[in-house]
Amino acid sequence: MKIMVLNGSPRNGNTAAMVRAFVQGAEESGHEVEVFQVGKMKIAGCLACEYCHGKGAGTCIQKDDMEKLIPAYQTCDMVVYASPVYYFDVTAQMSAAMQRVYCIGKPTRATKAALLLSSGSNNVYEGAIATYKAMLSYMGIENTGIITAAGQENGSETKLAEIRAFAKAL
């Protein structure tokens, strides 16, 4: 399976550790994984100009780092969204990358998705999970799992082993 992982963190901390654990488990099972550091990319928000659904024929009028993601969105079998939770939602960079897929409607081949979230405390995930589930429902993509790490769980071998095992079982 070809898996696209979007890391929405602008830092190299807890979310990056979750992504590394996921990649390790998935690759051990023979999956092809490509990680995109969305948190460090320049991706603007959707302008709702509808160029993509008219003259653009599936391409966005904006020329930014989203052009690197669209080919992967179109050829992956699974999308993994990984983000720290900033004020009850994914990072702004991740949100832009999720929303800008609008230009193609949905990933062409993807049938599965997963969500990895890190935060400093519990009970802050509701907004991010709701957005993720709504997006998958619209796209007709199966949620294979949501894994969260809060506080001391971040970077713990127990949590990273859980993520590796999850990815390995795909």
C-alpha atoms as a PDB file:
ATOM      1  CA  MET A   1       0.000   0.000   0.000  1.00  0.00           C
ATOM      2  CA  LYS A   2       1.222   3.511  -0.801  1.00  0.00           C
ATOM      3  CA  ILE A   3       0.816   5.767   2.250  1.00  0.00           C
ATOM      4  CA  MET A   4       1.038   9.560   2.312  1.00  0.00           C
ATOM      5  CA  VAL A   5       1.819  11.052   5.742  1.00  0.00           C
ATOM      6  CA  LEU A   6       1.248  14.746   6.383  1.00  0.00           C
ATOM      7  CA  ASN A   7       3.129  16.095   9.410  1.00  0.00           C
ATOM      8  CA  GLY A   8       1.443  19.351  10.374  1.00  0.00           C
ATOM      9  CA  SER A   9       3.952  20.340  13.031  1.00  0.00           C
ATOM     10  CA  PRO A  10       6.356  23.206  12.339  1.00  0.00           C
ATOM     11  CA  ARG A  11       8.722  21.721  14.945  1.00  0.00           C
ATOM     12  CA  ASN A  12      10.624  18.441  15.290  1.00  0.00           C
ATOM     13  CA  GLY A  13       9.102  17.187  18.534  1.00  0.00           C
ATOM     14  CA  ASN A  14       6.267  14.949  19.681  1.00  0.00           C
ATOM     15  CA  THR A  15       4.373  14.770  16.399  1.00  0.00           C
ATOM     16  CA  ALA A  16       7.579  13.959  14.521  1.00  0.00           C
ATOM     17  CA  ALA A  17       8.217  11.080  16.950  1.00  0.00           C
ATOM     18  CA  MET A  18       4.708   9.758  16.259  1.00  0.00           C
ATOM     19  CA  VAL A  19       5.326  10.011  12.509  1.00  0.00           C
ATOM     20  CA  ARG A  20       8.666   8.183  12.777  1.00  0.00           C
ATOM     21  CA  ALA A  21       7.019   5.368  14.744  1.00  0.00           C
ATOM     22  CA  PHE A  22       4.217   5.100  12.181  1.00  0.00           C
ATOM     23  CA  VAL A  23       6.662   5.036   9.268  1.00  0.00           C
ATOM     24  CA  GLN A  24       8.780   2.355  10.948  1.00  0.00           C
ATOM     25  CA  GLY A  25       5.777   0.080  11.541  1.00  0.00           C
ATOM     26  CA  ALA A  26       4.336   0.616   8.070  1.00  0.00           C
ATOM     27  CA  GLU A  27       7.649   0.026   6.299  1.00  0.00           C
ATOM     28  CA  GLU A  28       8.256  -3.137   8.355  1.00  0.00           C
ATOM     29  CA  SER A  29       5.022  -4.461   6.824  1.00  0.00           C
ATOM     30  CA  GLY A  30       6.195  -3.617   3.319  1.00  0.00           C
ATOM     31  CA  HIS A  31       4.189  -0.449   2.774  1.00  0.00           C
ATOM     32  CA  GLU A  32       5.636   2.438   0.771  1.00  0.00           C
ATOM     33  CA  VAL A  33       5.523   5.611   2.873  1.00  0.00           C
ATOM     34  CA  GLU A  34       6.130   9.213   1.853  1.00  0.00           C
ATOM     35  CA  VAL A  35       6.223  11.910   4.550  1.00  0.00           C
ATOM     36  CA  PHE A  36       5.496  15.560   3.817  1.00  0.00           C
ATOM     37  CA  GLN A  37       6.543  18.189   6.363  1.00  0.00           C
ATOM     38  CA  VAL A  38       3.385  20.286   5.914  1.00  0.00           C
ATOM     39  CA  GLY A  39       4.136  22.328   9.038  1.00  0.00           C
ATOM     40  CA  LYS A  40       7.210  23.738   7.307  1.00  0.00           C
ATOM     41  CA  MET A  41       5.660  24.224   3.869  1.00  0.00           C
ATOM     42  CA  LYS A  42       4.121  27.361   2.413  1.00  0.00           C
ATOM     43  CA  ILE A  43       0.484  26.447   1.772  1.00  0.00           C
ATOM     44  CA  ALA A  44      -2.080  29.225   1.647  1.00  0.00           C
ATOM     45  CA  GLY A  45      -5.714  28.789   2.578  1.00  0.00           C
ATOM     46  CA  CYS A  46      -8.338  28.091  -0.059  1.00  0.00           C
ATOM     47  CA  LEU A  47      -9.615  31.247  -1.763  1.00  0.00           C
ATOM     48  CA  ALA A  48     -12.984  29.710  -2.743  1.00  0.00           C
ATOM     49  CA  CYS A  49     -12.463  31.214  -6.208  1.00  0.00           C
ATOM     50  CA  GLU A  50     -13.620  28.002  -7.948  1.00  0.00           C
ATOM     51  CA  TYR A  51     -10.832  28.266 -10.531  1.00  0.00           C
ATOM     52  CA  CYS A  52     -10.082  24.597  -9.853  1.00  0.00           C
ATOM     53  CA  HIS A  53     -13.592  23.552 -10.838  1.00  0.00           C
ATOM     54  CA  GLY A  54     -13.657  25.723 -13.950  1.00  0.00           C
ATOM     55  CA  LYS A  55     -10.734  26.830 -16.084  1.00  0.00           C
ATOM     56  CA  GLY A  56      -8.262  25.066 -13.795  1.00  0.00           C
ATOM     57  CA  ALA A  57      -9.778  21.611 -14.369  1.00  0.00           C
ATOM     58  CA  GLY A  58      -8.626  20.286 -10.992  1.00  0.00           C
ATOM     59  CA  THR A  59      -5.623  22.554 -10.508  1.00  0.00           C
ATOM     60  CA  CYS A  60      -5.499  25.380  -8.012  1.00  0.00           C
ATOM     61  CA  ILE A  61      -4.846  28.938  -9.136  1.00  0.00           C
ATOM     62  CA  GLN A  62      -2.423  29.373  -6.222  1.00  0.00           C
ATOM     63  CA  LYS A  63       1.157  28.339  -6.889  1.00  0.00           C
ATOM     64  CA  ASP A  64       2.643  27.206  -3.599  1.00  0.00           C
ATOM     65  CA  ASP A  65       3.817  24.021  -1.893  1.00  0.00           C
ATOM     66  CA  MET A  66       0.407  22.411  -2.341  1.00  0.00           C
ATOM     67  CA  GLU A  67       1.633  21.567  -5.838  1.00  0.00           C
ATOM     68  CA  LYS A  68       3.991  19.060  -4.165  1.00  0.00           C
ATOM     69  CA  LEU A  69       1.116  17.381  -2.304  1.00  0.00           C
ATOM     70  CA  ILE A  70      -1.499  17.009  -5.034  1.00  0.00           C
ATOM     71  CA  PRO A  71       0.378  14.296  -7.000  1.00  0.00           C
ATOM     72  CA  ALA A  72       0.788  12.286  -3.774  1.00  0.00           C
ATOM     73  CA  TYR A  73      -2.897  12.795  -2.883  1.00  0.00           C
ATOM     74  CA  GLN A  74      -3.802  11.427  -6.324  1.00  0.00           C
ATOM     75  CA  THR A  75      -1.638   8.302  -6.127  1.00  0.00           C
ATOM     76  CA  CYS A  76      -1.771   7.222  -2.477  1.00  0.00           C
ATOM     77  CA  ASP A  77      -3.899   4.411  -1.086  1.00  0.00           C
ATOM     78  CA  MET A  78      -3.962   5.916   2.404  1.00  0.00           C
ATOM     79  CA  VAL A  79      -3.551   9.366   3.948  1.00  0.00           C
ATOM     80  CA  VAL A  80      -2.256   9.836   7.489  1.00  0.00           C
ATOM     81  CA  TYR A  81      -2.754  13.227   9.097  1.00  0.00           C
ATOM     82  CA  ALA A  82      -0.390  13.920  12.014  1.00  0.00           C
ATOM     83  CA  SER A  83      -0.571  17.153  13.957  1.00  0.00           C
ATOM     84  CA  PRO A  84      -0.101  18.729  17.334  1.00  0.00           C
ATOM     85  CA  VAL A  85      -3.286  20.245  18.682  1.00  0.00           C
ATOM     86  CA  TYR A  86      -3.109  24.021  18.802  1.00  0.00           C
ATOM     87  CA  TYR A  87      -6.099  25.557  20.491  1.00  0.00           C
ATOM     88  CA  PHE A  88      -8.407  22.552  20.009  1.00  0.00           C
ATOM     89  CA  ASP A  89      -7.608  21.818  16.353  1.00  0.00           C
ATOM     90  CA  VAL A  90      -4.854  20.771  13.963  1.00  0.00           C
ATOM     91  CA  THR A  91      -2.255  23.381  13.049  1.00  0.00           C
ATOM     92  CA  ALA A  92      -3.149  26.071  10.527  1.00  0.00           C
ATOM     93  CA  GLN A  93      -0.645  24.555   8.108  1.00  0.00           C
ATOM     94  CA  MET A  94      -2.370  21.150   8.335  1.00  0.00           C
ATOM     95  CA  SER A  95      -5.785  22.702   8.012  1.00  0.00           C
ATOM     96  CA  ALA A  96      -4.743  24.463   4.795  1.00  0.00           C
ATOM     97  CA  ALA A  97      -3.322  21.220   3.364  1.00  0.00           C
ATOM     98  CA  MET A  98      -6.540  19.374   4.218  1.00  0.00           C
ATOM     99  CA  GLN A  99      -8.806  22.048   2.768  1.00  0.00           C
ATOM    100  CA  ARG A 100      -6.851  22.661  -0.405  1.00  0.00           C
ATOM    101  CA  VAL A 101      -7.402  19.078  -1.585  1.00  0.00           C
ATOM    102  CA  TYR A 102     -10.767  20.573  -2.591  1.00  0.00           C
ATOM    103  CA  CYS A 103      -9.276  21.310  -6.017  1.00  0.00           C
ATOM    104  CA  ILE A 104      -9.319  17.583  -6.857  1.00  0.00           C
ATOM    105  CA  GLY A 105     -12.395  16.804  -4.760  1.00  0.00           C
ATOM    106  CA  LYS A 106     -10.783  13.900  -2.937  1.00  0.00           C
ATOM    107  CA  PRO A 107      -7.724  11.713  -3.227  1.00  0.00           C
ATOM    108  CA  THR A 108      -8.214   9.617  -6.369  1.00  0.00           C
ATOM    109  CA  ARG A 109      -7.228   6.183  -5.023  1.00  0.00           C
ATOM    110  CA  ALA A 110      -7.190   6.558  -1.246  1.00  0.00           C
ATOM    111  CA  THR A 111      -9.646   4.361   0.592  1.00  0.00           C
ATOM    112  CA  LYS A 112      -8.147   4.656   4.091  1.00  0.00           C
ATOM    113  CA  ALA A 113      -6.964   7.340   6.478  1.00  0.00           C
ATOM    114  CA  ALA A 114      -5.657   7.697  10.023  1.00  0.00           C
ATOM    115  CA  LEU A 115      -5.146  10.553  12.460  1.00  0.00           C
ATOM    116  CA  LEU A 116      -2.245  11.032  14.890  1.00  0.00           C
ATOM    117  CA  LEU A 117      -2.585  13.874  17.395  1.00  0.00           C
ATOM    118  CA  SER A 118      -0.276  15.116  20.127  1.00  0.00           C
ATOM    119  CA  SER A 119      -0.976  17.673  22.820  1.00  0.00           C
ATOM    120  CA  GLY A 120       0.122  18.844  26.208  1.00  0.00           C
ATOM    121  CA  SER A 121      -3.126  17.798  27.873  1.00  0.00           C
ATOM    122  CA  ASN A 122      -6.150  15.533  27.483  1.00  0.00           C
ATOM    123  CA  ASN A 123      -9.642  16.536  26.372  1.00  0.00           C
ATOM    124  CA  VAL A 124      -8.506  18.919  23.615  1.00  0.00           C
ATOM    125  CA  TYR A 125      -8.988  16.678  20.583  1.00  0.00           C
ATOM    126  CA  GLU A 126     -12.703  17.083  19.844  1.00  0.00           C
ATOM    127  CA  GLY A 127     -12.365  19.816  17.189  1.00  0.00           C
ATOM    128  CA  ALA A 128      -9.560  18.095  15.288  1.00  0.00           C
ATOM    129  CA  ILE A 129     -11.340  14.741  15.348  1.00  0.00           C
ATOM    130  CA  ALA A 130     -14.637  16.262  14.206  1.00  0.00           C
ATOM    131  CA  THR A 131     -12.956  17.957  11.232  1.00  0.00           C
ATOM    132  CA  TYR A 132     -11.141  14.744  10.304  1.00  0.00           C
ATOM    133  CA  LYS A 133     -14.287  12.602  10.507  1.00  0.00           C
ATOM    134  CA  ALA A 134     -16.365  15.095   8.514  1.00  0.00           C
ATOM    135  CA  MET A 135     -13.716  15.214   5.791  1.00  0.00           C
ATOM    136  CA  LEU A 136     -13.523  11.423   5.559  1.00  0.00           C
ATOM    137  CA  SER A 137     -17.289  11.131   5.426  1.00  0.00           C
ATOM    138  CA  TYR A 138     -17.419  13.600   2.539  1.00  0.00           C
ATOM    139  CA  MET A 139     -14.631  11.790   0.689  1.00  0.00           C
ATOM    140  CA  GLY A 140     -15.963   8.287   1.347  1.00  0.00           C
ATOM    141  CA  ILE A 141     -12.688   7.218   2.982  1.00  0.00           C
ATOM    142  CA  GLU A 142     -12.489   4.704   5.832  1.00  0.00           C
ATOM    143  CA  ASN A 143     -11.056   5.803   9.172  1.00  0.00           C
ATOM    144  CA  THR A 144      -8.578   3.098  10.197  1.00  0.00           C
ATOM    145  CA  GLY A 145      -7.757   4.726  13.524  1.00  0.00           C
ATOM    146  CA  ILE A 146      -7.169   7.776  15.661  1.00  0.00           C
ATOM    147  CA  ILE A 147      -4.263   7.786  18.087  1.00  0.00           C
ATOM    148  CA  THR A 148      -3.696  10.580  20.580  1.00  0.00           C
ATOM    149  CA  ALA A 149      -0.779  11.290  22.901  1.00  0.00           C
ATOM    150  CA  ALA A 150      -1.118  13.782  25.725  1.00  0.00           C
ATOM    151  CA  GLY A 151       1.331  15.059  28.288  1.00  0.00           C
ATOM    152  CA  GLN A 152       3.684  12.313  29.483  1.00  0.00           C
ATOM    153  CA  GLU A 153       2.460   9.917  26.753  1.00  0.00           C
ATOM    154  CA  ASN A 154       4.268  12.048  24.185  1.00  0.00           C
ATOM    155  CA  GLY A 155       7.485  10.335  23.222  1.00  0.00           C
ATOM    156  CA  SER A 156       6.902   7.446  25.626  1.00  0.00           C
ATOM    157  CA  GLU A 157       8.005   4.041  24.393  1.00  0.00           C
ATOM    158  CA  THR A 158       4.557   2.650  25.235  1.00  0.00           C
ATOM    159  CA  LYS A 159       2.800   5.139  22.956  1.00  0.00           C
ATOM    160  CA  LEU A 160       5.375   4.828  20.164  1.00  0.00           C
ATOM    161  CA  ALA A 161       5.089   1.014  20.315  1.00  0.00           C
ATOM    162  CA  GLU A 162       1.296   1.370  20.025  1.00  0.00           C
ATOM    163  CA  ILE A 163       1.733   3.505  16.893  1.00  0.00           C
ATOM    164  CA  ARG A 164       4.274   1.102  15.355  1.00  0.00           C
ATOM    165  CA  ALA A 165       1.939  -1.839  16.003  1.00  0.00           C
ATOM    166  CA  PHE A 166      -1.017   0.046  14.503  1.00  0.00           C
ATOM    167  CA  ALA A 167       0.954   0.860  11.331  1.00  0.00           C
ATOM    168  CA  LYS A 168       2.362  -2.645  11.089  1.00  0.00           C
ATOM    169  CA  ALA A 169      -1.152  -4.136  11.216  1.00  0.00           C
ATOM    170  CA  LEU A 170      -2.439  -2.122   8.247  1.00  0.00           C
END
